[in-house]
Structure formats: C-alpha cells, structure tokens
Amino acid sequence: MPHPTRNEFITELRRRYGLLTRVGESRSLVSLGGDALRVYIRYSKVHPGGQTFYGLRSEDIALLQGHRAVICFLWADQADPLFVPFDQFESVIFGTVPARDGQYKVQIYQRAAGTELYIAQAGRFNVEGFFGWSVLEEHLADAELLHMPDLTHAQVQTLLGAIGAIKGYGIWVPPPDRAALDWNLVDVFEVAHGLPSGYEQSARVLSDIDVMWLEPGTSRLEALYEVEHTTSVYSGLLRFNDVLISSPQVRPRFTIVSSAGRRDLFTRQINRPTFCASGLTEVCTFLDYRNVYAWFQRAVGG
C-alpha cells in the first residue's frame, strides 16, 4: 500500500503541474509536461540512526536513460522533496552492479555537513543543493539548476566557509589563501587563527586543508573540504587518508569538491583498495561546484 507521504507528494505534484502520465509498467515513474520531465519516486521509512534505504529498479532506471529526469527521494516529516538529477549520476549508477533482486541499493544520510546520497559500490555524494520544488521547476524550464557564475578555487573556498559560518561553525582556511577569499560573494565571516588542540600528529596536513568546519567551544572537526579545481582528485584523497591514519580519533566528513565532470573519477579513485582498507571510502563524499552554489543560496534564503 502506498505510504501517505508518497500520496501527499503525488497530490502536490498534480496540483502544481497538472496531468501526470505513467511511464511503462512502473507505479513509481511518471512524466510531466508531455514527457518534458520524468520523475522517479522512491520512499523509505526512517530507520534508527536516521538511516533511509531505497532500491532503484533496473527496469525503471532504464526508462530514465535519454530523458530529462530526476529521482525524487521521500521520507516521513521531510521539509522539502529531494530531487536528484539523473543525468549527473547516470554513469555512477551504471558503473555499479545491481543486487540479486535487480535493484541498485542507495541510502540518504542527513548530516550537519550536508545531506549525502550513498550509492553502494560507488561512494557518497553531497546532494544538499537538490532540495525543493525549484529544482523541478528549473528542469521543466529546460534550464540550468542555477545561473551560477564560473567560480574560481578561492570563490569555492569562500562559499564553503560562508555555509559553515551560517551553520554556526568555526572556519579554518589556510593562512596563505585568506587574502584571496571573495567578500563580494558573502558576508564577512571570522576565520580561526589556529587549529584546535589534539591533532598534533596530523597538524601539518590539516593546516593545508582548503576549508574546515570546527565545532565551537570544542576540539572537534566537523567537516573537511578539499577543492580540486585543477589539481588531482587523488592527491586530495591522499591528504584525507593521511589525516584519517595519523589521527584515528578524527571522524569528520571528508569531502572532495570539484566540477561535476570529475564525479566518475572520484568514484574510481575512492574505491581503490588502499582507501577501502583505511576506511576513507566510508567517510568521504563528493560535492560539485553547482551543488556548492545551490547549497549557499539555500543557506542564505536565496
């Protein structure tokens, strides 16, 4: 029996966009606007620890190929629907092997450092910028998610710092990078003068991390971001790995930030045996520039 959350979503979808057309034999796949956009609807109850579990059926995913499409992830008491653009994750999904039941297994994790999409055998991806009906509306208009500027490395650092500051975290940016922060993009936020105590073994590596969020009043690191604008994704993963091995008590979220075109490269690199053995595979995510900008816009209420 369909869950009330799913029924409410379908009702709101009809109210906003009119007639919905069923695609194929699936009860979870509909099209809008004369097949201008396909919406694949998945629901999960929230399990202990805030975990959700979803199955993406192979036959349904096949019907998204070649079409403008989003995968909508729903759960109870959700503030806004999560619409993940299929084209941005198509190659990642098809680079994995479905389970015996023919489904690709994925999970959604709601974390302070950003909502994550976990795709089994592939990795973790920050999808914080894909919440809200505006995502669907922009896709229907056949437009970009946001009219996003062509960001520099320093501007991405600035946005990540601003998001963390809005959330109430202390912000670390390496001293040599601070003069390049773009205060035309964001309100000025304070940058920490030094690293918190307790990380002496990994202090040299930590001091060079592009952006870190620090829990105020404690020595806890909440999130570490490496912006790989032109540098190697692998080099950023090695720095994270050094931190994880040198200071095993450090359990923040590690995030590689880069262009969307490098998502597949991240998937290949993060699943190397050395990162699987160290445990980095389980705590590292990928975040693309568009999602950073969307996340910032949501944080400031834009």
C-alpha atoms as a PDB file:
ATOM      1  CA  MET A   1       0.000   0.000   0.000  1.00  0.00           C
ATOM      2  CA  PRO A   2       1.429   3.425  -0.928  1.00  0.00           C
ATOM      3  CA  HIS A   3       2.611   5.427   2.065  1.00  0.00           C
ATOM      4  CA  PRO A   4       0.752   8.674   2.927  1.00  0.00           C
ATOM      5  CA  THR A   5       3.963  10.676   2.348  1.00  0.00           C
ATOM      6  CA  ARG A   6       4.101   9.371  -1.219  1.00  0.00           C
ATOM      7  CA  ASN A   7       0.390  10.046  -1.758  1.00  0.00           C
ATOM      8  CA  GLU A   8       0.767  13.604  -0.489  1.00  0.00           C
ATOM      9  CA  PHE A   9       3.684  14.165  -2.835  1.00  0.00           C
ATOM     10  CA  ILE A  10       1.699  12.863  -5.834  1.00  0.00           C
ATOM     11  CA  THR A  11      -1.219  15.120  -4.898  1.00  0.00           C
ATOM     12  CA  GLU A  12       1.078  18.151  -4.719  1.00  0.00           C
ATOM     13  CA  LEU A  13       2.742  17.153  -7.992  1.00  0.00           C
ATOM     14  CA  ARG A  14      -0.664  17.089  -9.721  1.00  0.00           C
ATOM     15  CA  ARG A  15      -1.665  20.401  -8.142  1.00  0.00           C
ATOM     16  CA  ARG A  16       1.461  22.106  -9.430  1.00  0.00           C
ATOM     17  CA  TYR A  17       1.850  20.506 -12.847  1.00  0.00           C
ATOM     18  CA  GLY A  18      -1.489  19.015 -13.850  1.00  0.00           C
ATOM     19  CA  LEU A  19      -1.811  15.684 -15.597  1.00  0.00           C
ATOM     20  CA  LEU A  20       0.754  13.027 -14.712  1.00  0.00           C
ATOM     21  CA  THR A  21       1.441  10.287 -17.236  1.00  0.00           C
ATOM     22  CA  ARG A  22       2.545   6.865 -16.074  1.00  0.00           C
ATOM     23  CA  VAL A  23       5.733   5.626 -17.777  1.00  0.00           C
ATOM     24  CA  GLY A  24       5.939   1.920 -18.573  1.00  0.00           C
ATOM     25  CA  GLU A  25       4.577  -0.546 -16.022  1.00  0.00           C
ATOM     26  CA  SER A  26       6.086   1.197 -13.020  1.00  0.00           C
ATOM     27  CA  ARG A  27       3.827   2.761 -10.402  1.00  0.00           C
ATOM     28  CA  SER A  28       6.719   4.974  -9.317  1.00  0.00           C
ATOM     29  CA  LEU A  29       7.669   6.595 -12.617  1.00  0.00           C
ATOM     30  CA  VAL A  30       5.644   9.472 -14.074  1.00  0.00           C
ATOM     31  CA  SER A  31       6.202  12.145 -16.699  1.00  0.00           C
ATOM     32  CA  LEU A  32       5.241  15.828 -16.679  1.00  0.00           C
ATOM     33  CA  GLY A  33       4.565  18.306 -19.463  1.00  0.00           C
ATOM     34  CA  GLY A  34       4.129  15.849 -22.302  1.00  0.00           C
ATOM     35  CA  ASP A  35       7.211  13.874 -21.218  1.00  0.00           C
ATOM     36  CA  ALA A  36       9.328  17.019 -20.790  1.00  0.00           C
ATOM     37  CA  LEU A  37      10.497  15.569 -17.465  1.00  0.00           C
ATOM     38  CA  ARG A  38      10.374  12.118 -15.890  1.00  0.00           C
ATOM     39  CA  VAL A  39      10.133  11.792 -12.106  1.00  0.00           C
ATOM     40  CA  TYR A  40      11.118   8.529 -10.425  1.00  0.00           C
ATOM     41  CA  ILE A  41       9.550   8.489  -6.943  1.00  0.00           C
ATOM     42  CA  ARG A  42      11.159   6.490  -4.130  1.00  0.00           C
ATOM     43  CA  TYR A  43      10.052   6.380  -0.490  1.00  0.00           C
ATOM     44  CA  SER A  44      11.745   4.996   2.626  1.00  0.00           C
ATOM     45  CA  LYS A  45      10.785   4.995   6.255  1.00  0.00           C
ATOM     46  CA  VAL A  46      13.394   6.455   8.601  1.00  0.00           C
ATOM     47  CA  HIS A  47      15.235   3.719  10.496  1.00  0.00           C
ATOM     48  CA  PRO A  48      17.122   4.055  13.823  1.00  0.00           C
ATOM     49  CA  GLY A  49      20.049   6.416  13.442  1.00  0.00           C
ATOM     50  CA  GLY A  50      18.215   8.442  10.814  1.00  0.00           C
ATOM     51  CA  GLN A  51      19.020   5.999   8.006  1.00  0.00           C
ATOM     52  CA  THR A  52      16.864   5.523   4.920  1.00  0.00           C
ATOM     53  CA  PHE A  53      17.101   2.689   2.388  1.00  0.00           C
ATOM     54  CA  TYR A  54      15.998   2.792  -1.255  1.00  0.00           C
ATOM     55  CA  GLY A  55      16.023   0.394  -4.174  1.00  0.00           C
ATOM     56  CA  LEU A  56      16.278   1.702  -7.726  1.00  0.00           C
ATOM     57  CA  ARG A  57      14.851  -0.965 -10.011  1.00  0.00           C
ATOM     58  CA  SER A  58      16.938  -1.703 -13.088  1.00  0.00           C
ATOM     59  CA  GLU A  59      13.923  -1.660 -15.381  1.00  0.00           C
ATOM     60  CA  ASP A  60      12.829   1.740 -14.043  1.00  0.00           C
ATOM     61  CA  ILE A  61      16.308   3.266 -14.302  1.00  0.00           C
ATOM     62  CA  ALA A  62      16.485   2.089 -17.916  1.00  0.00           C
ATOM     63  CA  LEU A  63      13.384   4.193 -18.685  1.00  0.00           C
ATOM     64  CA  LEU A  64      15.193   7.330 -17.497  1.00  0.00           C
ATOM     65  CA  GLN A  65      18.028   6.991 -19.997  1.00  0.00           C
ATOM     66  CA  GLY A  66      17.949   9.559 -22.766  1.00  0.00           C
ATOM     67  CA  HIS A  67      15.308  11.641 -20.979  1.00  0.00           C
ATOM     68  CA  ARG A  68      15.396  14.679 -18.753  1.00  0.00           C
ATOM     69  CA  ALA A  69      14.739  13.055 -15.381  1.00  0.00           C
ATOM     70  CA  VAL A  70      15.055  13.334 -11.622  1.00  0.00           C
ATOM     71  CA  ILE A  71      14.944  10.749  -8.856  1.00  0.00           C
ATOM     72  CA  CYS A  72      12.772  12.002  -6.005  1.00  0.00           C
ATOM     73  CA  PHE A  73      13.706  10.629  -2.572  1.00  0.00           C
ATOM     74  CA  LEU A  74      10.969  10.891   0.060  1.00  0.00           C
ATOM     75  CA  TRP A  75      10.751  10.103   3.776  1.00  0.00           C
ATOM     76  CA  ALA A  76       8.337  10.985   6.582  1.00  0.00           C
ATOM     77  CA  ASP A  77       8.341  14.536   8.007  1.00  0.00           C
ATOM     78  CA  GLN A  78      10.551  15.781   5.196  1.00  0.00           C
ATOM     79  CA  ALA A  79      10.665  19.587   4.904  1.00  0.00           C
ATOM     80  CA  ASP A  80      11.246  19.634   1.121  1.00  0.00           C
ATOM     81  CA  PRO A  81      11.404  16.880  -1.505  1.00  0.00           C
ATOM     82  CA  LEU A  82      14.878  15.852  -2.655  1.00  0.00           C
ATOM     83  CA  PHE A  83      15.172  15.837  -6.469  1.00  0.00           C
ATOM     84  CA  VAL A  84      18.438  14.293  -7.653  1.00  0.00           C
ATOM     85  CA  PRO A  85      19.156  14.953 -11.363  1.00  0.00           C
ATOM     86  CA  PHE A  86      19.530  11.597 -13.091  1.00  0.00           C
ATOM     87  CA  ASP A  87      21.999  12.820 -15.725  1.00  0.00           C
ATOM     88  CA  GLN A  88      24.511  13.784 -13.050  1.00  0.00           C
ATOM     89  CA  PHE A  89      24.553  10.284 -11.552  1.00  0.00           C
ATOM     90  CA  GLU A  90      23.702   8.069 -14.535  1.00  0.00           C
ATOM     91  CA  SER A  91      27.255   6.899 -15.213  1.00  0.00           C
ATOM     92  CA  VAL A  92      27.919   6.398 -11.494  1.00  0.00           C
ATOM     93  CA  ILE A  93      24.844   4.185 -11.095  1.00  0.00           C
ATOM     94  CA  PHE A  94      25.556   2.157 -14.226  1.00  0.00           C
ATOM     95  CA  GLY A  95      29.153   1.735 -13.104  1.00  0.00           C
ATOM     96  CA  THR A  96      27.875  -0.487 -10.288  1.00  0.00           C
ATOM     97  CA  VAL A  97      26.216  -3.911 -10.279  1.00  0.00           C
ATOM     98  CA  PRO A  98      22.606  -4.231  -9.081  1.00  0.00           C
ATOM     99  CA  ALA A  99      21.800  -6.580  -6.203  1.00  0.00           C
ATOM    100  CA  ARG A 100      20.316 -10.008  -6.797  1.00  0.00           C
ATOM    101  CA  ASP A 101      16.815  -8.560  -6.734  1.00  0.00           C
ATOM    102  CA  GLY A 102      17.687  -6.323  -9.700  1.00  0.00           C
ATOM    103  CA  GLN A 103      17.826  -3.113  -7.694  1.00  0.00           C
ATOM    104  CA  TYR A 104      20.612  -0.583  -7.216  1.00  0.00           C
ATOM    105  CA  LYS A 105      20.832  -0.007  -3.461  1.00  0.00           C
ATOM    106  CA  VAL A 106      21.147   3.577  -2.237  1.00  0.00           C
ATOM    107  CA  GLN A 107      20.747   5.427   1.043  1.00  0.00           C
ATOM    108  CA  ILE A 108      20.220   9.027   2.149  1.00  0.00           C
ATOM    109  CA  TYR A 109      22.097  10.307   5.206  1.00  0.00           C
ATOM    110  CA  GLN A 110      21.082  13.611   6.788  1.00  0.00           C
ATOM    111  CA  ARG A 111      24.224  15.157   8.275  1.00  0.00           C
ATOM    112  CA  ALA A 112      25.241  18.551   9.604  1.00  0.00           C
ATOM    113  CA  ALA A 113      27.874  18.771   6.869  1.00  0.00           C
ATOM    114  CA  GLY A 114      25.252  18.235   4.154  1.00  0.00           C
ATOM    115  CA  THR A 115      22.797  15.565   3.044  1.00  0.00           C
ATOM    116  CA  GLU A 116      24.552  12.614   1.418  1.00  0.00           C
ATOM    117  CA  LEU A 117      23.473  10.146  -1.259  1.00  0.00           C
ATOM    118  CA  TYR A 118      25.243   6.819  -0.775  1.00  0.00           C
ATOM    119  CA  ILE A 119      25.336   4.534  -3.820  1.00  0.00           C
ATOM    120  CA  ALA A 120      26.505   1.019  -2.988  1.00  0.00           C
ATOM    121  CA  GLN A 121      29.832   0.149  -4.679  1.00  0.00           C
ATOM    122  CA  ALA A 122      30.294   3.759  -5.808  1.00  0.00           C
ATOM    123  CA  GLY A 123      30.566   6.130  -2.851  1.00  0.00           C
ATOM    124  CA  ARG A 124      28.976   9.109  -1.160  1.00  0.00           C
ATOM    125  CA  PHE A 125      27.844  12.336  -2.829  1.00  0.00           C
ATOM    126  CA  ASN A 126      26.683  15.583  -1.256  1.00  0.00           C
ATOM    127  CA  VAL A 127      23.187  16.415  -2.571  1.00  0.00           C
ATOM    128  CA  GLU A 128      22.284  19.274  -0.248  1.00  0.00           C
ATOM    129  CA  GLY A 129      21.666  21.614  -3.193  1.00  0.00           C
ATOM    130  CA  PHE A 130      18.891  19.455  -4.684  1.00  0.00           C
ATOM    131  CA  PHE A 131      16.121  20.087  -2.152  1.00  0.00           C
ATOM    132  CA  GLY A 132      12.937  21.953  -3.060  1.00  0.00           C
ATOM    133  CA  TRP A 133      10.390  22.371  -5.825  1.00  0.00           C
ATOM    134  CA  SER A 134      12.554  24.974  -7.565  1.00  0.00           C
ATOM    135  CA  VAL A 135      14.843  22.153  -8.722  1.00  0.00           C
ATOM    136  CA  LEU A 136      11.932  20.518 -10.534  1.00  0.00           C
ATOM    137  CA  GLU A 137      10.740  23.817 -11.966  1.00  0.00           C
ATOM    138  CA  GLU A 138      14.160  24.632 -13.378  1.00  0.00           C
ATOM    139  CA  HIS A 139      14.338  21.224 -15.041  1.00  0.00           C
ATOM    140  CA  LEU A 140      10.902  21.687 -16.567  1.00  0.00           C
ATOM    141  CA  ALA A 141      12.028  25.041 -17.915  1.00  0.00           C
ATOM    142  CA  ASP A 142      14.939  23.227 -19.565  1.00  0.00           C
ATOM    143  CA  ALA A 143      17.356  25.480 -17.738  1.00  0.00           C
ATOM    144  CA  GLU A 144      20.378  25.085 -15.504  1.00  0.00           C
ATOM    145  CA  LEU A 145      19.752  24.407 -11.822  1.00  0.00           C
ATOM    146  CA  LEU A 146      21.080  27.862 -11.067  1.00  0.00           C
ATOM    147  CA  HIS A 147      22.505  30.727 -13.085  1.00  0.00           C
ATOM    148  CA  MET A 148      25.843  30.004 -11.500  1.00  0.00           C
ATOM    149  CA  PRO A 149      28.967  32.084 -12.061  1.00  0.00           C
ATOM    150  CA  ASP A 150      32.194  30.498 -13.255  1.00  0.00           C
ATOM    151  CA  LEU A 151      33.745  30.020  -9.833  1.00  0.00           C
ATOM    152  CA  THR A 152      37.448  30.161  -9.010  1.00  0.00           C
ATOM    153  CA  HIS A 153      39.155  27.960  -6.431  1.00  0.00           C
ATOM    154  CA  ALA A 154      39.148  30.832  -3.910  1.00  0.00           C
ATOM    155  CA  GLN A 155      35.460  31.586  -4.521  1.00  0.00           C
ATOM    156  CA  VAL A 156      34.527  27.965  -3.819  1.00  0.00           C
ATOM    157  CA  GLN A 157      36.535  28.174  -0.582  1.00  0.00           C
ATOM    158  CA  THR A 158      34.649  31.378   0.261  1.00  0.00           C
ATOM    159  CA  LEU A 159      31.225  29.787  -0.288  1.00  0.00           C
ATOM    160  CA  LEU A 160      32.088  26.691   1.754  1.00  0.00           C
ATOM    161  CA  GLY A 161      33.348  28.893   4.576  1.00  0.00           C
ATOM    162  CA  ALA A 162      30.197  31.012   4.447  1.00  0.00           C
ATOM    163  CA  ILE A 163      27.897  27.952   4.591  1.00  0.00           C
ATOM    164  CA  GLY A 164      29.741  26.667   7.652  1.00  0.00           C
ATOM    165  CA  ALA A 165      29.649  30.087   9.325  1.00  0.00           C
ATOM    166  CA  ILE A 166      25.881  30.362   8.738  1.00  0.00           C
ATOM    167  CA  LYS A 167      25.521  26.956  10.409  1.00  0.00           C
ATOM    168  CA  GLY A 168      27.443  28.252  13.436  1.00  0.00           C
ATOM    169  CA  TYR A 169      30.772  26.502  12.925  1.00  0.00           C
ATOM    170  CA  GLY A 170      34.228  27.986  13.301  1.00  0.00           C
ATOM    171  CA  ILE A 171      36.001  28.188   9.934  1.00  0.00           C
ATOM    172  CA  TRP A 172      39.581  27.309   9.016  1.00  0.00           C
ATOM    173  CA  VAL A 173      41.169  28.406   5.746  1.00  0.00           C
ATOM    174  CA  PRO A 174      44.959  28.096   5.275  1.00  0.00           C
ATOM    175  CA  PRO A 175      46.661  31.447   6.031  1.00  0.00           C
ATOM    176  CA  PRO A 176      48.175  31.787   2.511  1.00  0.00           C
ATOM    177  CA  ASP A 177      44.656  31.500   0.991  1.00  0.00           C
ATOM    178  CA  ARG A 178      42.847  34.036   3.159  1.00  0.00           C
ATOM    179  CA  ALA A 179      43.735  37.141   1.175  1.00  0.00           C
ATOM    180  CA  ALA A 180      42.040  35.626  -1.908  1.00  0.00           C
ATOM    181  CA  LEU A 181      38.657  34.987  -0.251  1.00  0.00           C
ATOM    182  CA  ASP A 182      35.948  36.833  -2.192  1.00  0.00           C
ATOM    183  CA  TRP A 183      33.951  39.016   0.210  1.00  0.00           C
ATOM    184  CA  ASN A 184      31.843  40.283  -2.694  1.00  0.00           C
ATOM    185  CA  LEU A 185      30.072  36.902  -2.703  1.00  0.00           C
ATOM    186  CA  VAL A 186      29.298  36.541   1.011  1.00  0.00           C
ATOM    187  CA  ASP A 187      29.054  38.401   4.283  1.00  0.00           C
ATOM    188  CA  VAL A 188      32.420  38.513   6.018  1.00  0.00           C
ATOM    189  CA  PHE A 189      32.928  35.635   8.450  1.00  0.00           C
ATOM    190  CA  GLU A 190      35.672  35.125  11.005  1.00  0.00           C
ATOM    191  CA  VAL A 191      38.472  32.691  10.179  1.00  0.00           C
ATOM    192  CA  ALA A 192      40.118  30.726  13.005  1.00  0.00           C
ATOM    193  CA  HIS A 193      43.650  31.846  13.870  1.00  0.00           C
ATOM    194  CA  GLY A 194      44.865  28.366  14.752  1.00  0.00           C
ATOM    195  CA  LEU A 195      43.972  24.686  14.655  1.00  0.00           C
ATOM    196  CA  PRO A 196      42.169  23.174  17.643  1.00  0.00           C
ATOM    197  CA  SER A 197      44.295  21.161  20.055  1.00  0.00           C
ATOM    198  CA  GLY A 198      44.562  17.406  19.934  1.00  0.00           C
ATOM    199  CA  TYR A 199      45.646  16.952  16.327  1.00  0.00           C
ATOM    200  CA  GLU A 200      49.401  17.318  16.644  1.00  0.00           C
ATOM    201  CA  GLN A 201      50.144  14.144  14.661  1.00  0.00           C
ATOM    202  CA  SER A 202      48.249  15.415  11.621  1.00  0.00           C
ATOM    203  CA  ALA A 203      48.638  19.182  12.130  1.00  0.00           C
ATOM    204  CA  ARG A 204      50.891  19.657   9.102  1.00  0.00           C
ATOM    205  CA  VAL A 205      48.366  18.072   6.749  1.00  0.00           C
ATOM    206  CA  LEU A 206      45.349  19.661   8.425  1.00  0.00           C
ATOM    207  CA  SER A 207      46.838  23.153   8.167  1.00  0.00           C
ATOM    208  CA  ASP A 208      46.789  22.838   4.355  1.00  0.00           C
ATOM    209  CA  ILE A 209      43.179  21.601   4.021  1.00  0.00           C
ATOM    210  CA  ASP A 210      41.242  24.131   1.905  1.00  0.00           C
ATOM    211  CA  VAL A 211      38.288  24.578   4.283  1.00  0.00           C
ATOM    212  CA  MET A 212      37.454  23.032   7.650  1.00  0.00           C
ATOM    213  CA  TRP A 213      34.398  23.451   9.856  1.00  0.00           C
ATOM    214  CA  LEU A 214      35.208  23.457  13.589  1.00  0.00           C
ATOM    215  CA  GLU A 215      32.716  22.739  16.373  1.00  0.00           C
ATOM    216  CA  PRO A 216      32.636  25.908  18.518  1.00  0.00           C
ATOM    217  CA  GLY A 217      34.000  25.515  22.036  1.00  0.00           C
ATOM    218  CA  THR A 218      35.412  22.031  21.398  1.00  0.00           C
ATOM    219  CA  SER A 219      38.351  20.451  19.610  1.00  0.00           C
ATOM    220  CA  ARG A 220      36.093  18.511  17.260  1.00  0.00           C
ATOM    221  CA  LEU A 221      36.438  18.809  13.483  1.00  0.00           C
ATOM    222  CA  GLU A 222      33.020  18.632  11.812  1.00  0.00           C
ATOM    223  CA  ALA A 223      33.899  18.695   8.093  1.00  0.00           C
ATOM    224  CA  LEU A 224      36.978  18.885   5.869  1.00  0.00           C
ATOM    225  CA  TYR A 225      36.826  20.092   2.254  1.00  0.00           C
ATOM    226  CA  GLU A 226      39.483  19.800  -0.434  1.00  0.00           C
ATOM    227  CA  VAL A 227      38.753  21.890  -3.545  1.00  0.00           C
ATOM    228  CA  GLU A 228      40.330  20.121  -6.519  1.00  0.00           C
ATOM    229  CA  HIS A 229      39.956  22.853  -9.134  1.00  0.00           C
ATOM    230  CA  THR A 230      42.875  21.871 -11.355  1.00  0.00           C
ATOM    231  CA  THR A 231      44.769  19.541  -9.040  1.00  0.00           C
ATOM    232  CA  SER A 232      44.362  15.774  -8.845  1.00  0.00           C
ATOM    233  CA  VAL A 233      41.397  14.257  -7.043  1.00  0.00           C
ATOM    234  CA  TYR A 234      43.782  11.502  -5.939  1.00  0.00           C
ATOM    235  CA  SER A 235      46.083  13.979  -4.188  1.00  0.00           C
ATOM    236  CA  GLY A 236      43.163  15.306  -2.140  1.00  0.00           C
ATOM    237  CA  LEU A 237      42.175  11.774  -1.157  1.00  0.00           C
ATOM    238  CA  LEU A 238      45.745  11.052  -0.066  1.00  0.00           C
ATOM    239  CA  ARG A 239      45.701  14.101   2.221  1.00  0.00           C
ATOM    240  CA  PHE A 240      42.439  12.929   3.743  1.00  0.00           C
ATOM    241  CA  ASN A 241      43.871   9.437   4.143  1.00  0.00           C
ATOM    242  CA  ASP A 242      46.918  10.825   5.944  1.00  0.00           C
ATOM    243  CA  VAL A 243      44.631  12.623   8.407  1.00  0.00           C
ATOM    244  CA  LEU A 244      42.500   9.518   8.954  1.00  0.00           C
ATOM    245  CA  ILE A 245      45.535   7.286   9.609  1.00  0.00           C
ATOM    246  CA  SER A 246      47.540   9.807  11.663  1.00  0.00           C
ATOM    247  CA  SER A 247      44.633  10.846  13.880  1.00  0.00           C
ATOM    248  CA  PRO A 248      42.173   7.934  14.025  1.00  0.00           C
ATOM    249  CA  GLN A 249      40.095   9.857  16.574  1.00  0.00           C
ATOM    250  CA  VAL A 250      39.237  12.317  13.788  1.00  0.00           C
ATOM    251  CA  ARG A 251      35.887  11.307  12.310  1.00  0.00           C
ATOM    252  CA  PRO A 252      34.588  14.343  10.412  1.00  0.00           C
ATOM    253  CA  ARG A 253      33.051  14.243   6.970  1.00  0.00           C
ATOM    254  CA  PHE A 254      35.749  14.374   4.304  1.00  0.00           C
ATOM    255  CA  THR A 255      34.583  15.959   1.036  1.00  0.00           C
ATOM    256  CA  ILE A 256      36.255  16.316  -2.359  1.00  0.00           C
ATOM    257  CA  VAL A 257      34.874  19.401  -4.115  1.00  0.00           C
ATOM    258  CA  SER A 258      35.278  19.681  -7.883  1.00  0.00           C
ATOM    259  CA  SER A 259      33.466  20.072 -11.191  1.00  0.00           C
ATOM    260  CA  ALA A 260      30.612  17.653 -11.943  1.00  0.00           C
ATOM    261  CA  GLY A 261      32.644  16.140 -14.768  1.00  0.00           C
ATOM    262  CA  ARG A 262      35.082  14.662 -12.237  1.00  0.00           C
ATOM    263  CA  ARG A 263      32.452  12.716 -10.308  1.00  0.00           C
ATOM    264  CA  ASP A 264      33.254   9.493 -12.180  1.00  0.00           C
ATOM    265  CA  LEU A 265      36.965   9.989 -11.500  1.00  0.00           C
ATOM    266  CA  PHE A 266      36.204  10.381  -7.793  1.00  0.00           C
ATOM    267  CA  THR A 267      34.204   7.132  -7.842  1.00  0.00           C
ATOM    268  CA  ARG A 268      37.111   5.220  -9.391  1.00  0.00           C
ATOM    269  CA  GLN A 269      39.688   6.683  -7.017  1.00  0.00           C
ATOM    270  CA  ILE A 270      37.762   6.435  -3.737  1.00  0.00           C
ATOM    271  CA  ASN A 271      37.209   2.714  -4.313  1.00  0.00           C
ATOM    272  CA  ARG A 272      40.926   1.926  -4.564  1.00  0.00           C
ATOM    273  CA  PRO A 273      41.912  -0.885  -2.148  1.00  0.00           C
ATOM    274  CA  THR A 274      44.071   1.455  -0.025  1.00  0.00           C
ATOM    275  CA  PHE A 275      41.130   3.759   0.736  1.00  0.00           C
ATOM    276  CA  CYS A 276      38.792   0.826   1.350  1.00  0.00           C
ATOM    277  CA  ALA A 277      41.308  -0.618   3.818  1.00  0.00           C
ATOM    278  CA  SER A 278      41.765   2.656   5.718  1.00  0.00           C
ATOM    279  CA  GLY A 279      38.016   3.292   5.901  1.00  0.00           C
ATOM    280  CA  LEU A 280      38.154   6.549   3.902  1.00  0.00           C
ATOM    281  CA  THR A 281      35.681   5.110   1.394  1.00  0.00           C
ATOM    282  CA  GLU A 282      33.001   5.120   4.103  1.00  0.00           C
ATOM    283  CA  VAL A 283      33.508   8.714   5.300  1.00  0.00           C
ATOM    284  CA  CYS A 284      34.393  10.646   2.130  1.00  0.00           C
ATOM    285  CA  THR A 285      31.883  12.309  -0.201  1.00  0.00           C
ATOM    286  CA  PHE A 286      31.932  14.214  -3.483  1.00  0.00           C
ATOM    287  CA  LEU A 287      30.420  17.682  -3.899  1.00  0.00           C
ATOM    288  CA  ASP A 288      30.274  19.518  -7.233  1.00  0.00           C
ATOM    289  CA  TYR A 289      30.501  23.294  -7.709  1.00  0.00           C
ATOM    290  CA  ARG A 290      26.883  23.672  -8.777  1.00  0.00           C
ATOM    291  CA  ASN A 291      25.763  21.971  -5.602  1.00  0.00           C
ATOM    292  CA  VAL A 292      28.006  24.219  -3.503  1.00  0.00           C
ATOM    293  CA  TYR A 293      26.408  27.303  -5.037  1.00  0.00           C
ATOM    294  CA  ALA A 294      22.892  25.895  -4.628  1.00  0.00           C
ATOM    295  CA  TRP A 295      23.633  24.989  -1.010  1.00  0.00           C
ATOM    296  CA  PHE A 296      24.849  28.535  -0.331  1.00  0.00           C
ATOM    297  CA  GLN A 297      21.717  30.029  -1.921  1.00  0.00           C
ATOM    298  CA  ARG A 298      19.539  27.845   0.297  1.00  0.00           C
ATOM    299  CA  ALA A 299      21.583  28.708   3.393  1.00  0.00           C
ATOM    300  CA  VAL A 300      21.083  32.454   2.903  1.00  0.00           C
ATOM    301  CA  GLY A 301      17.455  32.013   1.881  1.00  0.00           C
ATOM    302  CA  GLY A 302      18.057  32.940  -1.774  1.00  0.00           C
END
